[in-house]
Protein backbone atom coordinates (compact mmCIF):
# COMPACT_ATOMS: atom_id res chain seq x y z
CA ILE A 1 2.64 8.26 3.53
CA TYR A 2 2.12 7.45 -0.15
CA THR A 3 4.31 8.90 -2.90
CA LEU A 4 4.26 8.63 -6.69
CA ASN A 5 7.14 9.85 -8.84
CA SER A 6 6.92 10.91 -12.48
CA ALA A 7 8.30 7.56 -13.65
CA GLY A 8 5.42 5.68 -11.99
CA ILE A 9 6.95 4.33 -8.77
CA LEU A 10 4.19 4.29 -6.15
CA ALA A 11 5.49 3.75 -2.63
CA ALA A 12 4.17 3.58 0.92
CA GLY A 13 6.39 4.70 3.76
CA LYS A 14 6.30 5.02 7.53
CA PRO A 15 6.23 8.68 8.56
CA GLU A 16 7.99 7.89 11.85
CA ASP A 17 11.29 6.83 10.30
CA GLY A 18 10.90 7.14 6.51
CA SER A 19 11.27 3.41 5.89
CA VAL A 20 9.63 2.00 2.77
CA VAL A 21 6.78 -0.44 3.44
CA TRP A 22 6.15 -1.36 -0.21
CA GLN A 23 6.81 -0.16 -3.77
CA LYS A 24 4.92 -0.81 -6.98
CA ARG A 25 5.79 0.23 -10.54
CA LEU A 26 2.81 1.57 -12.47
CA ALA A 27 2.82 2.38 -16.19
CA GLY A 28 3.77 6.07 -16.49
CA PRO A 29 4.70 8.82 -16.94
CA TYR A 30 2.77 10.76 -14.31
CA SER A 31 2.27 14.48 -13.83
CA ALA A 32 -1.03 14.41 -11.88
CA SER A 33 -1.03 13.86 -8.12
CA PRO A 34 -2.52 10.60 -6.85
CA MET A 35 -5.75 10.72 -4.86
CA PHE A 36 -6.67 8.67 -1.78
CA ALA A 37 -10.33 7.85 -1.07
CA ASP A 38 -12.23 4.95 0.48
CA GLY A 39 -8.99 3.16 1.39
CA LYS A 40 -7.74 3.20 -2.22
CA ILE A 41 -5.12 5.15 -4.16
CA TYR A 42 -6.17 6.48 -7.58
CA ALA A 43 -3.28 7.35 -9.90
CA THR A 44 -3.89 8.57 -13.46
CA ASN A 45 -0.97 8.69 -15.87
CA GLU A 46 -0.48 11.09 -18.79
CA ALA A 47 -1.99 8.57 -21.24
CA GLY A 48 -5.26 8.64 -19.28
CA VAL A 49 -4.90 5.26 -17.58
CA THR A 50 -6.04 5.16 -13.95
CA HIS A 51 -4.63 2.54 -11.61
CA VAL A 52 -6.67 1.81 -8.49
CA VAL A 53 -4.37 0.44 -5.78
CA SER A 54 -5.24 -0.77 -2.29
CA ALA A 55 -3.53 0.79 0.72
CA ALA A 56 -1.56 -2.49 0.95
CA GLY A 57 -0.17 -2.08 -2.60
CA GLU A 58 -2.41 -4.47 -4.56
CA VAL A 59 -3.53 -3.22 -7.98
CA LEU A 60 -7.31 -3.58 -7.86
CA SER A 61 -8.16 -2.31 -11.35
CA VAL A 62 -6.83 -0.44 -14.37
CA ASN A 63 -9.22 1.86 -16.23
CA GLU A 64 -8.59 3.73 -19.47
CA ILE A 65 -10.13 7.17 -19.76
CA GLY A 66 -9.08 7.53 -23.38
CA GLU A 67 -7.80 11.11 -23.06
CA THR A 68 -4.49 12.72 -22.21
CA ILE A 69 -4.34 13.82 -18.55
CA LEU A 70 -1.91 16.49 -17.36
CA ALA A 71 -2.11 18.24 -14.00
């Protein structure tokens, strides 16, 4: 299970026992929900910066949209 809080802490946890597998701090704040596709997590912060993170927690790319994003 992947979670992202409003401060930008992205975490992966085991659904069986709730233990944390990894955590990564991304530049925030966040109000939009992250998306998961093709084995990657896409998280866009309020400044319009999208972090693409692998399922293992590695930041693969950071892309600026150039617009405010609220969801």
